[in-house]
Amino acid sequence: MRMEIGLVILCSVLLVAFLWERRKAVQVRRALKKEVDELRKTSYIAGAILQSVHAFVLLIDSGFVVLKTNYYRRTGIKKGAAEKKVGDLLQCRNAMSASGGCGTHELCGSCPVRRAIQEAFDKKKSFTTEDIKKIQKLYADSKEKIIFDKMAIMSQAKAKYSAYDIGHYALGMGAYSTSTSPIRRLSDTINQRIFKDSLHYGVDYARKKWSSITPYIAKLATDAELRAVKAEHRLDDIRKAEFMKQYEKQDFEVIVSDIKENFIIVLYPERMVYGKLFYNSKYFHLGKDGYSIIGHNGEKIMIGDIFNARLTKVNILNGEVVFSKGISEINEINHTENNRKRKVRRK
């Protein structure tokens, strides 16, 4: 009888322990699920911010590796499989010329960008406009200055209207608005009406009247300004093409502004005219970094490079300007390629 009672007690204890452990396991699973959901939500919010913000945003680790960024989406550049460091992503000439990329060039030790980022990790120091000025001093007297300045401007936030305070990126202000600007008439008129209603009928009345429709009006104003900017750029391109038409078949000193899959974009700095320079895929191929093209003879062309190019075609209807590398250089490339093929055949 005592043995049976003991077995019952033992079974009861084991059952209680089992139920207790099962309860703890369920609680742990629920806690883990909650954390996973929160992480997913945080990741979704971070992704939404990266997609919506009007500036280049880079999330990097202490090794200068870019973990997350909206750079590819905003520039249209294809993202490679390998992770890139800051210098590789931002097309630093020193990083691109070094075989190991960002951090391996002899000048990387004195790079103000790397120093500022390192201080941000070590001393929790912010990256300020003074750091940007130090970077600009590095190329202040170079011919490539015009290219780098444009890249810096393009990385800044663009104008966007909102129904809520989103501040001013360039001025560093948390709240900003306009009311008498001659170029923003729709948004300024709305601001004047909201201000008038607030003065005459009170803030609560104005908020109730305008809060539901201002997001739609802000979108209309933003879209209208973007269309105007595109139209202005297209008109500028056409006017520049009309001017350059008289110089067809002449040679100019140009600077490489951007690298694309089938062509490079060059700038004639004296007239601020951008044009395309198509390259032959038989002799050149896009570099693995995505920011250079490499020829069979070892020639490498990168952003900021300067060379002479011939203005071969100008279309005054759509503003397209096309350059080509000098005939002598093309003949040299063809000659080198033919010699290489002859050597291969002899072998």
C-alpha atoms as a PDB file:
ATOM      1  CA  MET A   1       0.000   0.000   0.000  1.00  0.00           C
ATOM      2  CA  ARG A   2       2.826   2.379   0.936  1.00  0.00           C
ATOM      3  CA  MET A   3       4.580   1.536  -2.324  1.00  0.00           C
ATOM      4  CA  GLU A   4       1.465   2.340  -4.344  1.00  0.00           C
ATOM      5  CA  ILE A   5       1.055   5.646  -2.501  1.00  0.00           C
ATOM      6  CA  GLY A   6       4.716   6.462  -3.160  1.00  0.00           C
ATOM      7  CA  LEU A   7       4.336   5.700  -6.864  1.00  0.00           C
ATOM      8  CA  VAL A   8       1.245   7.913  -7.042  1.00  0.00           C
ATOM      9  CA  ILE A   9       3.096  10.758  -5.328  1.00  0.00           C
ATOM     10  CA  LEU A  10       6.127  10.285  -7.604  1.00  0.00           C
ATOM     11  CA  CYS A  11       3.928  10.277 -10.714  1.00  0.00           C
ATOM     12  CA  SER A  12       2.142  13.385  -9.479  1.00  0.00           C
ATOM     13  CA  VAL A  13       5.454  15.172  -8.896  1.00  0.00           C
ATOM     14  CA  LEU A  14       6.748  14.177 -12.341  1.00  0.00           C
ATOM     15  CA  LEU A  15       3.481  15.273 -13.948  1.00  0.00           C
ATOM     16  CA  VAL A  16       3.597  18.649 -12.181  1.00  0.00           C
ATOM     17  CA  ALA A  17       7.271  19.087 -13.203  1.00  0.00           C
ATOM     18  CA  PHE A  18       6.437  18.149 -16.784  1.00  0.00           C
ATOM     19  CA  LEU A  19       3.511  20.593 -16.908  1.00  0.00           C
ATOM     20  CA  TRP A  20       5.680  23.300 -15.312  1.00  0.00           C
ATOM     21  CA  GLU A  21       8.478  22.823 -17.866  1.00  0.00           C
ATOM     22  CA  ARG A  22       5.954  22.740 -20.685  1.00  0.00           C
ATOM     23  CA  ARG A  23       4.440  25.997 -19.425  1.00  0.00           C
ATOM     24  CA  LYS A  24       7.925  27.583 -19.301  1.00  0.00           C
ATOM     25  CA  ALA A  25       8.659  26.365 -22.842  1.00  0.00           C
ATOM     26  CA  VAL A  26       5.406  27.866 -24.119  1.00  0.00           C
ATOM     27  CA  GLN A  27       6.236  31.173 -22.418  1.00  0.00           C
ATOM     28  CA  VAL A  28       9.733  31.174 -23.934  1.00  0.00           C
ATOM     29  CA  ARG A  29       8.303  30.450 -27.394  1.00  0.00           C
ATOM     30  CA  ARG A  30       5.801  33.271 -27.024  1.00  0.00           C
ATOM     31  CA  ALA A  31       8.528  35.665 -25.862  1.00  0.00           C
ATOM     32  CA  LEU A  32      10.757  34.663 -28.774  1.00  0.00           C
ATOM     33  CA  LYS A  33       7.860  35.057 -31.209  1.00  0.00           C
ATOM     34  CA  LYS A  34       7.155  38.509 -29.798  1.00  0.00           C
ATOM     35  CA  GLU A  35      10.804  39.515 -30.195  1.00  0.00           C
ATOM     36  CA  VAL A  36      10.864  38.165 -33.755  1.00  0.00           C
ATOM     37  CA  ASP A  37       7.707  40.125 -34.597  1.00  0.00           C
ATOM     38  CA  GLU A  38       9.220  43.281 -33.117  1.00  0.00           C
ATOM     39  CA  LEU A  39      12.437  42.751 -35.078  1.00  0.00           C
ATOM     40  CA  ARG A  40      10.430  42.232 -38.268  1.00  0.00           C
ATOM     41  CA  LYS A  41       8.434  45.369 -37.552  1.00  0.00           C
ATOM     42  CA  THR A  42      11.618  47.346 -36.856  1.00  0.00           C
ATOM     43  CA  SER A  43      13.207  46.009 -40.038  1.00  0.00           C
ATOM     44  CA  TYR A  44      10.087  46.934 -42.024  1.00  0.00           C
ATOM     45  CA  ILE A  45      10.045  50.461 -40.575  1.00  0.00           C
ATOM     46  CA  ALA A  46      13.779  50.879 -41.267  1.00  0.00           C
ATOM     47  CA  GLY A  47      13.264  49.676 -44.841  1.00  0.00           C
ATOM     48  CA  ALA A  48      10.367  52.081 -45.328  1.00  0.00           C
ATOM     49  CA  ILE A  49      12.478  54.971 -44.030  1.00  0.00           C
ATOM     50  CA  LEU A  50      15.349  54.078 -46.367  1.00  0.00           C
ATOM     51  CA  GLN A  51      12.980  53.949 -49.330  1.00  0.00           C
ATOM     52  CA  SER A  52      11.278  57.252 -48.517  1.00  0.00           C
ATOM     53  CA  VAL A  53      14.086  59.517 -47.301  1.00  0.00           C
ATOM     54  CA  HIS A  54      15.427  61.957 -49.919  1.00  0.00           C
ATOM     55  CA  ALA A  55      19.123  61.421 -49.177  1.00  0.00           C
ATOM     56  CA  PHE A  56      21.716  58.670 -49.301  1.00  0.00           C
ATOM     57  CA  VAL A  57      21.591  56.717 -46.031  1.00  0.00           C
ATOM     58  CA  LEU A  58      24.234  54.130 -45.124  1.00  0.00           C
ATOM     59  CA  LEU A  59      24.013  51.750 -42.167  1.00  0.00           C
ATOM     60  CA  ILE A  60      27.573  50.572 -41.547  1.00  0.00           C
ATOM     61  CA  ASP A  61      29.410  48.485 -38.962  1.00  0.00           C
ATOM     62  CA  SER A  62      32.717  49.217 -37.214  1.00  0.00           C
ATOM     63  CA  GLY A  63      34.569  47.525 -40.085  1.00  0.00           C
ATOM     64  CA  PHE A  64      33.179  50.145 -42.538  1.00  0.00           C
ATOM     65  CA  VAL A  65      31.037  47.502 -44.266  1.00  0.00           C
ATOM     66  CA  VAL A  66      27.716  48.842 -45.570  1.00  0.00           C
ATOM     67  CA  LEU A  67      24.993  46.642 -44.080  1.00  0.00           C
ATOM     68  CA  LYS A  68      21.988  48.473 -45.455  1.00  0.00           C
ATOM     69  CA  THR A  69      21.494  51.465 -47.746  1.00  0.00           C
ATOM     70  CA  ASN A  70      19.100  53.144 -50.150  1.00  0.00           C
ATOM     71  CA  TYR A  71      22.012  54.116 -52.439  1.00  0.00           C
ATOM     72  CA  TYR A  72      21.215  51.488 -55.080  1.00  0.00           C
ATOM     73  CA  ARG A  73      17.518  52.346 -55.203  1.00  0.00           C
ATOM     74  CA  ARG A  74      18.115  56.085 -55.528  1.00  0.00           C
ATOM     75  CA  THR A  75      20.889  55.792 -58.149  1.00  0.00           C
ATOM     76  CA  GLY A  76      19.527  52.830 -60.142  1.00  0.00           C
ATOM     77  CA  ILE A  77      22.862  50.994 -59.829  1.00  0.00           C
ATOM     78  CA  LYS A  78      22.625  47.202 -59.607  1.00  0.00           C
ATOM     79  CA  LYS A  79      23.663  45.748 -56.269  1.00  0.00           C
ATOM     80  CA  GLY A  80      26.311  43.043 -56.423  1.00  0.00           C
ATOM     81  CA  ALA A  81      26.377  39.862 -54.369  1.00  0.00           C
ATOM     82  CA  ALA A  82      29.388  40.909 -52.285  1.00  0.00           C
ATOM     83  CA  GLU A  83      29.102  43.413 -49.447  1.00  0.00           C
ATOM     84  CA  LYS A  84      30.899  46.711 -50.022  1.00  0.00           C
ATOM     85  CA  LYS A  85      32.738  49.068 -47.740  1.00  0.00           C
ATOM     86  CA  VAL A  86      31.970  52.787 -47.630  1.00  0.00           C
ATOM     87  CA  GLY A  87      34.795  53.788 -49.976  1.00  0.00           C
ATOM     88  CA  ASP A  88      33.887  51.102 -52.506  1.00  0.00           C
ATOM     89  CA  LEU A  89      30.236  52.128 -52.516  1.00  0.00           C
ATOM     90  CA  LEU A  90      30.948  55.856 -52.824  1.00  0.00           C
ATOM     91  CA  GLN A  91      33.466  55.268 -55.627  1.00  0.00           C
ATOM     92  CA  CYS A  92      36.523  56.599 -53.789  1.00  0.00           C
ATOM     93  CA  ARG A  93      39.341  56.835 -56.338  1.00  0.00           C
ATOM     94  CA  ASN A  94      41.904  55.518 -53.854  1.00  0.00           C
ATOM     95  CA  ALA A  95      39.698  52.523 -53.019  1.00  0.00           C
ATOM     96  CA  MET A  96      39.059  51.810 -56.703  1.00  0.00           C
ATOM     97  CA  SER A  97      42.757  51.979 -57.572  1.00  0.00           C
ATOM     98  CA  ALA A  98      43.798  49.642 -54.740  1.00  0.00           C
ATOM     99  CA  SER A  99      43.515  45.887 -55.325  1.00  0.00           C
ATOM    100  CA  GLY A 100      41.999  45.346 -51.876  1.00  0.00           C
ATOM    101  CA  GLY A 101      39.525  48.208 -52.134  1.00  0.00           C
ATOM    102  CA  CYS A 102      38.522  50.548 -49.309  1.00  0.00           C
ATOM    103  CA  GLY A 103      41.014  50.582 -46.430  1.00  0.00           C
ATOM    104  CA  THR A 104      43.977  49.117 -48.305  1.00  0.00           C
ATOM    105  CA  HIS A 105      45.342  52.177 -50.116  1.00  0.00           C
ATOM    106  CA  GLU A 106      48.344  53.997 -48.645  1.00  0.00           C
ATOM    107  CA  LEU A 107      46.259  57.187 -48.301  1.00  0.00           C
ATOM    108  CA  CYS A 108      43.386  55.494 -46.421  1.00  0.00           C
ATOM    109  CA  GLY A 109      45.139  56.178 -43.121  1.00  0.00           C
ATOM    110  CA  SER A 110      44.718  59.939 -43.620  1.00  0.00           C
ATOM    111  CA  CYS A 111      41.207  59.769 -45.098  1.00  0.00           C
ATOM    112  CA  PRO A 112      38.943  62.285 -43.259  1.00  0.00           C
ATOM    113  CA  VAL A 113      35.854  60.179 -44.014  1.00  0.00           C
ATOM    114  CA  ARG A 114      37.310  57.073 -42.334  1.00  0.00           C
ATOM    115  CA  ARG A 115      38.536  59.215 -39.429  1.00  0.00           C
ATOM    116  CA  ALA A 116      35.100  60.779 -38.923  1.00  0.00           C
ATOM    117  CA  ILE A 117      33.341  57.397 -39.059  1.00  0.00           C
ATOM    118  CA  GLN A 118      35.837  55.868 -36.631  1.00  0.00           C
ATOM    119  CA  GLU A 119      35.322  58.740 -34.195  1.00  0.00           C
ATOM    120  CA  ALA A 120      31.580  58.214 -34.480  1.00  0.00           C
ATOM    121  CA  PHE A 121      32.065  54.643 -33.214  1.00  0.00           C
ATOM    122  CA  ASP A 122      34.807  55.359 -30.644  1.00  0.00           C
ATOM    123  CA  LYS A 123      33.713  58.723 -29.221  1.00  0.00           C
ATOM    124  CA  LYS A 124      30.036  58.764 -30.266  1.00  0.00           C
ATOM    125  CA  LYS A 125      30.868  61.893 -32.263  1.00  0.00           C
ATOM    126  CA  SER A 126      28.504  63.143 -34.970  1.00  0.00           C
ATOM    127  CA  PHE A 127      29.490  63.592 -38.617  1.00  0.00           C
ATOM    128  CA  THR A 128      29.220  67.362 -39.103  1.00  0.00           C
ATOM    129  CA  THR A 129      29.485  69.863 -41.946  1.00  0.00           C
ATOM    130  CA  GLU A 130      33.057  70.575 -40.811  1.00  0.00           C
ATOM    131  CA  ASP A 131      33.974  67.013 -41.776  1.00  0.00           C
ATOM    132  CA  ILE A 132      32.439  67.590 -45.215  1.00  0.00           C
ATOM    133  CA  LYS A 133      34.523  70.764 -45.601  1.00  0.00           C
ATOM    134  CA  LYS A 134      37.677  68.794 -44.791  1.00  0.00           C
ATOM    135  CA  ILE A 135      36.783  66.278 -47.494  1.00  0.00           C
ATOM    136  CA  GLN A 136      36.175  69.053 -50.017  1.00  0.00           C
ATOM    137  CA  LYS A 137      39.657  70.466 -49.315  1.00  0.00           C
ATOM    138  CA  LEU A 138      41.182  67.223 -50.596  1.00  0.00           C
ATOM    139  CA  TYR A 139      40.076  67.968 -54.155  1.00  0.00           C
ATOM    140  CA  ALA A 140      39.736  71.769 -53.964  1.00  0.00           C
ATOM    141  CA  ASP A 141      42.370  72.422 -56.649  1.00  0.00           C
ATOM    142  CA  SER A 142      41.735  69.372 -58.836  1.00  0.00           C
ATOM    143  CA  LYS A 143      40.084  69.286 -62.255  1.00  0.00           C
ATOM    144  CA  GLU A 144      37.669  66.649 -60.939  1.00  0.00           C
ATOM    145  CA  LYS A 145      36.238  69.119 -58.388  1.00  0.00           C
ATOM    146  CA  ILE A 146      33.180  69.830 -60.533  1.00  0.00           C
ATOM    147  CA  ILE A 147      32.299  66.111 -60.620  1.00  0.00           C
ATOM    148  CA  PHE A 148      32.737  65.535 -56.893  1.00  0.00           C
ATOM    149  CA  ASP A 149      30.779  68.678 -56.005  1.00  0.00           C
ATOM    150  CA  LYS A 150      27.857  67.476 -58.103  1.00  0.00           C
ATOM    151  CA  MET A 151      27.949  64.047 -56.424  1.00  0.00           C
ATOM    152  CA  ALA A 152      27.875  65.767 -53.018  1.00  0.00           C
ATOM    153  CA  ILE A 153      24.897  67.914 -54.043  1.00  0.00           C
ATOM    154  CA  MET A 154      23.010  64.909 -55.456  1.00  0.00           C
ATOM    155  CA  SER A 155      23.456  63.029 -52.181  1.00  0.00           C
ATOM    156  CA  GLN A 156      21.587  65.734 -50.254  1.00  0.00           C
ATOM    157  CA  ALA A 157      17.870  65.751 -49.650  1.00  0.00           C
ATOM    158  CA  LYS A 158      15.625  67.134 -52.362  1.00  0.00           C
ATOM    159  CA  ALA A 159      12.628  69.390 -51.820  1.00  0.00           C
ATOM    160  CA  LYS A 160       9.543  67.545 -50.633  1.00  0.00           C
ATOM    161  CA  TYR A 161       6.288  68.953 -49.303  1.00  0.00           C
ATOM    162  CA  SER A 162       4.599  67.342 -46.336  1.00  0.00           C
ATOM    163  CA  ALA A 163       1.487  67.850 -44.242  1.00  0.00           C
ATOM    164  CA  TYR A 164       3.666  67.510 -41.127  1.00  0.00           C
ATOM    165  CA  ASP A 165       6.898  69.065 -39.877  1.00  0.00           C
ATOM    166  CA  ILE A 166       9.802  67.200 -41.499  1.00  0.00           C
ATOM    167  CA  GLY A 167      12.332  70.004 -41.040  1.00  0.00           C
ATOM    168  CA  HIS A 168      14.934  71.300 -43.467  1.00  0.00           C
ATOM    169  CA  TYR A 169      17.893  69.025 -44.262  1.00  0.00           C
ATOM    170  CA  ALA A 170      20.371  71.677 -45.443  1.00  0.00           C
ATOM    171  CA  LEU A 171      19.548  74.233 -42.728  1.00  0.00           C
ATOM    172  CA  GLY A 172      19.405  71.596 -39.989  1.00  0.00           C
ATOM    173  CA  MET A 173      16.033  72.877 -38.723  1.00  0.00           C
ATOM    174  CA  GLY A 174      13.381  70.694 -37.140  1.00  0.00           C
ATOM    175  CA  ALA A 175      10.515  72.857 -38.418  1.00  0.00           C
ATOM    176  CA  TYR A 176      10.483  74.790 -41.677  1.00  0.00           C
ATOM    177  CA  SER A 177       7.903  76.288 -44.000  1.00  0.00           C
ATOM    178  CA  THR A 178       7.510  79.030 -46.635  1.00  0.00           C
ATOM    179  CA  SER A 179       4.720  81.500 -47.297  1.00  0.00           C
ATOM    180  CA  THR A 180       5.938  84.103 -49.813  1.00  0.00           C
ATOM    181  CA  SER A 181       8.264  82.187 -52.140  1.00  0.00           C
ATOM    182  CA  PRO A 182       7.688  83.181 -55.802  1.00  0.00           C
ATOM    183  CA  ILE A 183       8.468  79.656 -57.045  1.00  0.00           C
ATOM    184  CA  ARG A 184       6.277  77.650 -54.680  1.00  0.00           C
ATOM    185  CA  ARG A 185       2.928  79.282 -55.157  1.00  0.00           C
ATOM    186  CA  LEU A 186       0.575  76.354 -54.459  1.00  0.00           C
ATOM    187  CA  SER A 187       2.147  75.349 -51.153  1.00  0.00           C
ATOM    188  CA  ASP A 188       2.632  78.966 -50.075  1.00  0.00           C
ATOM    189  CA  THR A 189      -0.986  79.832 -50.823  1.00  0.00           C
ATOM    190  CA  ILE A 190      -2.146  76.884 -48.704  1.00  0.00           C
ATOM    191  CA  ASN A 191       0.161  77.967 -45.851  1.00  0.00           C
ATOM    192  CA  GLN A 192      -1.283  81.479 -46.004  1.00  0.00           C
ATOM    193  CA  ARG A 193      -4.842  80.137 -45.837  1.00  0.00           C
ATOM    194  CA  ILE A 194      -4.019  77.869 -42.879  1.00  0.00           C
ATOM    195  CA  PHE A 195      -2.365  80.799 -41.100  1.00  0.00           C
ATOM    196  CA  LYS A 196      -5.374  83.017 -41.812  1.00  0.00           C
ATOM    197  CA  ASP A 197      -7.850  80.420 -40.471  1.00  0.00           C
ATOM    198  CA  SER A 198      -5.681  80.004 -37.342  1.00  0.00           C
ATOM    199  CA  LEU A 199      -5.737  83.753 -36.673  1.00  0.00           C
ATOM    200  CA  HIS A 200      -9.453  84.258 -37.329  1.00  0.00           C
ATOM    201  CA  TYR A 201     -11.003  81.022 -36.024  1.00  0.00           C
ATOM    202  CA  GLY A 202      -8.347  79.383 -33.847  1.00  0.00           C
ATOM    203  CA  VAL A 203      -5.783  76.623 -34.207  1.00  0.00           C
ATOM    204  CA  ASP A 204      -8.237  73.797 -33.459  1.00  0.00           C
ATOM    205  CA  TYR A 205     -10.565  74.923 -36.247  1.00  0.00           C
ATOM    206  CA  ALA A 206      -7.691  75.221 -38.737  1.00  0.00           C
ATOM    207  CA  ARG A 207      -6.319  71.810 -37.796  1.00  0.00           C
ATOM    208  CA  LYS A 208      -9.716  70.147 -38.154  1.00  0.00           C
ATOM    209  CA  LYS A 209     -10.350  71.832 -41.521  1.00  0.00           C
ATOM    210  CA  TRP A 210      -6.989  71.184 -43.151  1.00  0.00           C
ATOM    211  CA  SER A 211      -5.552  68.000 -41.575  1.00  0.00           C
ATOM    212  CA  SER A 212      -7.476  65.636 -43.851  1.00  0.00           C
ATOM    213  CA  ILE A 213      -6.626  67.329 -47.174  1.00  0.00           C
ATOM    214  CA  THR A 214      -3.088  68.685 -46.682  1.00  0.00           C
ATOM    215  CA  PRO A 215      -1.393  65.279 -47.339  1.00  0.00           C
ATOM    216  CA  TYR A 216      -3.057  65.166 -50.761  1.00  0.00           C
ATOM    217  CA  ILE A 217      -2.157  68.806 -51.502  1.00  0.00           C
ATOM    218  CA  ALA A 218       1.452  68.179 -50.412  1.00  0.00           C
ATOM    219  CA  LYS A 219       1.699  65.255 -52.828  1.00  0.00           C
ATOM    220  CA  LEU A 220       0.274  67.382 -55.650  1.00  0.00           C
ATOM    221  CA  ALA A 221       2.823  70.134 -54.951  1.00  0.00           C
ATOM    222  CA  THR A 222       5.749  67.690 -54.798  1.00  0.00           C
ATOM    223  CA  ASP A 223       4.760  65.897 -58.004  1.00  0.00           C
ATOM    224  CA  ALA A 224       4.254  69.205 -59.818  1.00  0.00           C
ATOM    225  CA  GLU A 225       7.683  70.484 -58.796  1.00  0.00           C
ATOM    226  CA  LEU A 226       9.385  67.240 -59.830  1.00  0.00           C
ATOM    227  CA  ARG A 227       7.720  67.449 -63.250  1.00  0.00           C
ATOM    228  CA  ALA A 228       8.864  71.055 -63.570  1.00  0.00           C
ATOM    229  CA  VAL A 229      12.448  70.108 -62.659  1.00  0.00           C
ATOM    230  CA  LYS A 230      12.492  67.319 -65.261  1.00  0.00           C
ATOM    231  CA  ALA A 231      11.089  69.659 -67.907  1.00  0.00           C
ATOM    232  CA  GLU A 232      13.681  72.306 -67.026  1.00  0.00           C
ATOM    233  CA  HIS A 233      16.522  69.769 -67.278  1.00  0.00           C
ATOM    234  CA  ARG A 234      15.240  68.520 -70.628  1.00  0.00           C
ATOM    235  CA  LEU A 235      15.007  72.089 -71.963  1.00  0.00           C
ATOM    236  CA  ASP A 236      18.550  72.806 -70.735  1.00  0.00           C
ATOM    237  CA  ASP A 237      19.800  69.682 -72.538  1.00  0.00           C
ATOM    238  CA  ILE A 238      18.112  70.774 -75.781  1.00  0.00           C
ATOM    239  CA  ARG A 239      19.529  74.308 -75.568  1.00  0.00           C
ATOM    240  CA  LYS A 240      23.026  72.961 -74.903  1.00  0.00           C
ATOM    241  CA  ALA A 241      22.659  70.511 -77.800  1.00  0.00           C
ATOM    242  CA  GLU A 242      21.668  73.362 -80.109  1.00  0.00           C
ATOM    243  CA  PHE A 243      24.813  75.227 -79.088  1.00  0.00           C
ATOM    244  CA  MET A 244      27.111  72.172 -79.440  1.00  0.00           C
ATOM    245  CA  LYS A 245      25.729  71.241 -82.861  1.00  0.00           C
ATOM    246  CA  GLN A 246      28.199  73.620 -84.550  1.00  0.00           C
ATOM    247  CA  TYR A 247      31.144  71.773 -82.974  1.00  0.00           C
ATOM    248  CA  GLU A 248      30.422  68.277 -84.295  1.00  0.00           C
ATOM    249  CA  LYS A 249      33.544  66.278 -85.286  1.00  0.00           C
ATOM    250  CA  GLN A 250      35.749  68.401 -83.004  1.00  0.00           C
ATOM    251  CA  ASP A 251      37.775  67.131 -80.046  1.00  0.00           C
ATOM    252  CA  PHE A 252      37.210  68.263 -76.436  1.00  0.00           C
ATOM    253  CA  GLU A 253      38.755  67.528 -73.068  1.00  0.00           C
ATOM    254  CA  VAL A 254      36.080  65.732 -71.031  1.00  0.00           C
ATOM    255  CA  ILE A 255      35.757  64.267 -67.528  1.00  0.00           C
ATOM    256  CA  VAL A 256      34.141  60.907 -66.754  1.00  0.00           C
ATOM    257  CA  SER A 257      31.046  61.647 -64.666  1.00  0.00           C
ATOM    258  CA  ASP A 258      29.384  58.220 -64.399  1.00  0.00           C
ATOM    259  CA  ILE A 259      29.804  54.624 -65.573  1.00  0.00           C
ATOM    260  CA  LYS A 260      26.912  52.688 -67.104  1.00  0.00           C
ATOM    261  CA  GLU A 261      26.639  49.155 -68.475  1.00  0.00           C
ATOM    262  CA  ASN A 262      26.987  50.079 -72.171  1.00  0.00           C
ATOM    263  CA  PHE A 263      28.273  53.646 -72.036  1.00  0.00           C
ATOM    264  CA  ILE A 264      29.949  56.216 -69.837  1.00  0.00           C
ATOM    265  CA  ILE A 265      28.696  59.723 -69.133  1.00  0.00           C
ATOM    266  CA  VAL A 266      31.267  62.461 -69.722  1.00  0.00           C
ATOM    267  CA  LEU A 267      31.219  66.172 -68.962  1.00  0.00           C
ATOM    268  CA  TYR A 268      32.625  68.980 -71.087  1.00  0.00           C
ATOM    269  CA  PRO A 269      33.285  71.309 -68.111  1.00  0.00           C
ATOM    270  CA  GLU A 270      33.789  74.569 -69.999  1.00  0.00           C
ATOM    271  CA  ARG A 271      30.153  74.521 -71.158  1.00  0.00           C
ATOM    272  CA  MET A 272      28.743  72.122 -68.535  1.00  0.00           C
ATOM    273  CA  VAL A 273      27.544  69.801 -71.304  1.00  0.00           C
ATOM    274  CA  TYR A 274      26.987  66.139 -70.468  1.00  0.00           C
ATOM    275  CA  GLY A 275      27.132  63.472 -73.135  1.00  0.00           C
ATOM    276  CA  LYS A 276      27.265  59.728 -73.655  1.00  0.00           C
ATOM    277  CA  LEU A 277      30.344  57.857 -74.787  1.00  0.00           C
ATOM    278  CA  PHE A 278      29.471  54.335 -75.908  1.00  0.00           C
ATOM    279  CA  TYR A 279      32.208  51.724 -75.568  1.00  0.00           C
ATOM    280  CA  ASN A 280      32.678  48.538 -77.571  1.00  0.00           C
ATOM    281  CA  SER A 281      31.932  45.490 -75.423  1.00  0.00           C
ATOM    282  CA  LYS A 282      34.438  43.503 -77.514  1.00  0.00           C
ATOM    283  CA  TYR A 283      37.296  45.567 -76.104  1.00  0.00           C
ATOM    284  CA  PHE A 284      35.920  46.925 -72.828  1.00  0.00           C
ATOM    285  CA  HIS A 285      33.903  45.344 -70.046  1.00  0.00           C
ATOM    286  CA  LEU A 286      32.304  46.731 -66.907  1.00  0.00           C
ATOM    287  CA  GLY A 287      34.555  46.315 -63.862  1.00  0.00           C
ATOM    288  CA  LYS A 288      33.459  44.149 -60.950  1.00  0.00           C
ATOM    289  CA  ASP A 289      33.186  47.267 -58.804  1.00  0.00           C
ATOM    290  CA  GLY A 290      30.541  48.654 -61.189  1.00  0.00           C
ATOM    291  CA  TYR A 291      32.303  52.022 -61.331  1.00  0.00           C
ATOM    292  CA  SER A 292      34.921  51.443 -64.027  1.00  0.00           C
ATOM    293  CA  ILE A 293      35.439  49.836 -67.439  1.00  0.00           C
ATOM    294  CA  ILE A 294      38.509  47.768 -68.260  1.00  0.00           C
ATOM    295  CA  GLY A 295      40.007  47.150 -71.697  1.00  0.00           C
ATOM    296  CA  HIS A 296      41.754  44.017 -72.963  1.00  0.00           C
ATOM    297  CA  ASN A 297      45.041  45.937 -72.991  1.00  0.00           C
ATOM    298  CA  GLY A 298      44.676  46.704 -69.266  1.00  0.00           C
ATOM    299  CA  GLU A 299      43.362  50.233 -69.740  1.00  0.00           C
ATOM    300  CA  LYS A 300      41.043  51.255 -66.895  1.00  0.00           C
ATOM    301  CA  ILE A 301      38.665  54.205 -67.047  1.00  0.00           C
ATOM    302  CA  MET A 302      37.152  55.479 -63.788  1.00  0.00           C
ATOM    303  CA  ILE A 303      34.987  58.357 -62.631  1.00  0.00           C
ATOM    304  CA  GLY A 304      37.062  61.540 -62.603  1.00  0.00           C
ATOM    305  CA  ASP A 305      39.382  60.463 -65.422  1.00  0.00           C
ATOM    306  CA  ILE A 306      40.155  63.144 -68.003  1.00  0.00           C
ATOM    307  CA  PHE A 307      40.856  62.522 -71.696  1.00  0.00           C
ATOM    308  CA  ASN A 308      40.156  63.915 -75.149  1.00  0.00           C
ATOM    309  CA  ALA A 309      36.975  62.804 -76.896  1.00  0.00           C
ATOM    310  CA  ARG A 310      35.402  63.628 -80.239  1.00  0.00           C
ATOM    311  CA  LEU A 311      31.909  65.085 -80.471  1.00  0.00           C
ATOM    312  CA  THR A 312      30.369  62.685 -82.986  1.00  0.00           C
ATOM    313  CA  LYS A 313      26.613  63.264 -82.810  1.00  0.00           C
ATOM    314  CA  VAL A 314      24.232  65.923 -81.506  1.00  0.00           C
ATOM    315  CA  ASN A 315      20.457  65.469 -81.519  1.00  0.00           C
ATOM    316  CA  ILE A 316      18.778  68.848 -81.027  1.00  0.00           C
ATOM    317  CA  LEU A 317      15.316  67.245 -80.778  1.00  0.00           C
ATOM    318  CA  ASN A 318      15.925  65.351 -77.542  1.00  0.00           C
ATOM    319  CA  GLY A 319      19.152  67.018 -76.357  1.00  0.00           C
ATOM    320  CA  GLU A 320      21.297  63.894 -76.680  1.00  0.00           C
ATOM    321  CA  VAL A 321      25.033  64.503 -77.102  1.00  0.00           C
ATOM    322  CA  VAL A 322      27.335  61.629 -78.071  1.00  0.00           C
ATOM    323  CA  PHE A 323      31.121  61.592 -77.793  1.00  0.00           C
ATOM    324  CA  SER A 324      33.696  58.989 -78.845  1.00  0.00           C
ATOM    325  CA  LYS A 325      37.289  58.431 -77.902  1.00  0.00           C
ATOM    326  CA  GLY A 326      39.901  59.710 -80.358  1.00  0.00           C
ATOM    327  CA  ILE A 327      40.477  57.715 -83.550  1.00  0.00           C
ATOM    328  CA  SER A 328      44.139  57.189 -82.675  1.00  0.00           C
ATOM    329  CA  GLU A 329      43.214  55.641 -79.317  1.00  0.00           C
ATOM    330  CA  ILE A 330      40.632  53.343 -80.939  1.00  0.00           C
ATOM    331  CA  ASN A 331      43.157  52.248 -83.546  1.00  0.00           C
ATOM    332  CA  GLU A 332      45.673  51.565 -80.785  1.00  0.00           C
ATOM    333  CA  ILE A 333      43.121  49.418 -78.941  1.00  0.00           C
ATOM    334  CA  ASN A 334      42.255  47.532 -82.144  1.00  0.00           C
ATOM    335  CA  HIS A 335      45.969  47.065 -82.925  1.00  0.00           C
ATOM    336  CA  THR A 336      46.653  45.702 -79.434  1.00  0.00           C
ATOM    337  CA  GLU A 337      43.702  43.329 -79.665  1.00  0.00           C
ATOM    338  CA  ASN A 338      44.765  42.061 -83.110  1.00  0.00           C
ATOM    339  CA  ASN A 339      48.317  41.437 -81.859  1.00  0.00           C
ATOM    340  CA  ARG A 340      46.930  39.503 -78.901  1.00  0.00           C
ATOM    341  CA  LYS A 341      44.853  37.299 -81.233  1.00  0.00           C
ATOM    342  CA  ARG A 342      47.878  36.657 -83.470  1.00  0.00           C
ATOM    343  CA  LYS A 343      49.947  35.550 -80.463  1.00  0.00           C
ATOM    344  CA  VAL A 344      47.163  33.211 -79.363  1.00  0.00           C
ATOM    345  CA  ARG A 345      46.975  31.667 -82.826  1.00  0.00           C
ATOM    346  CA  ARG A 346      50.755  31.157 -82.953  1.00  0.00           C
ATOM    347  CA  LYS A 347      50.659  29.331 -79.664  1.00  0.00           C
END
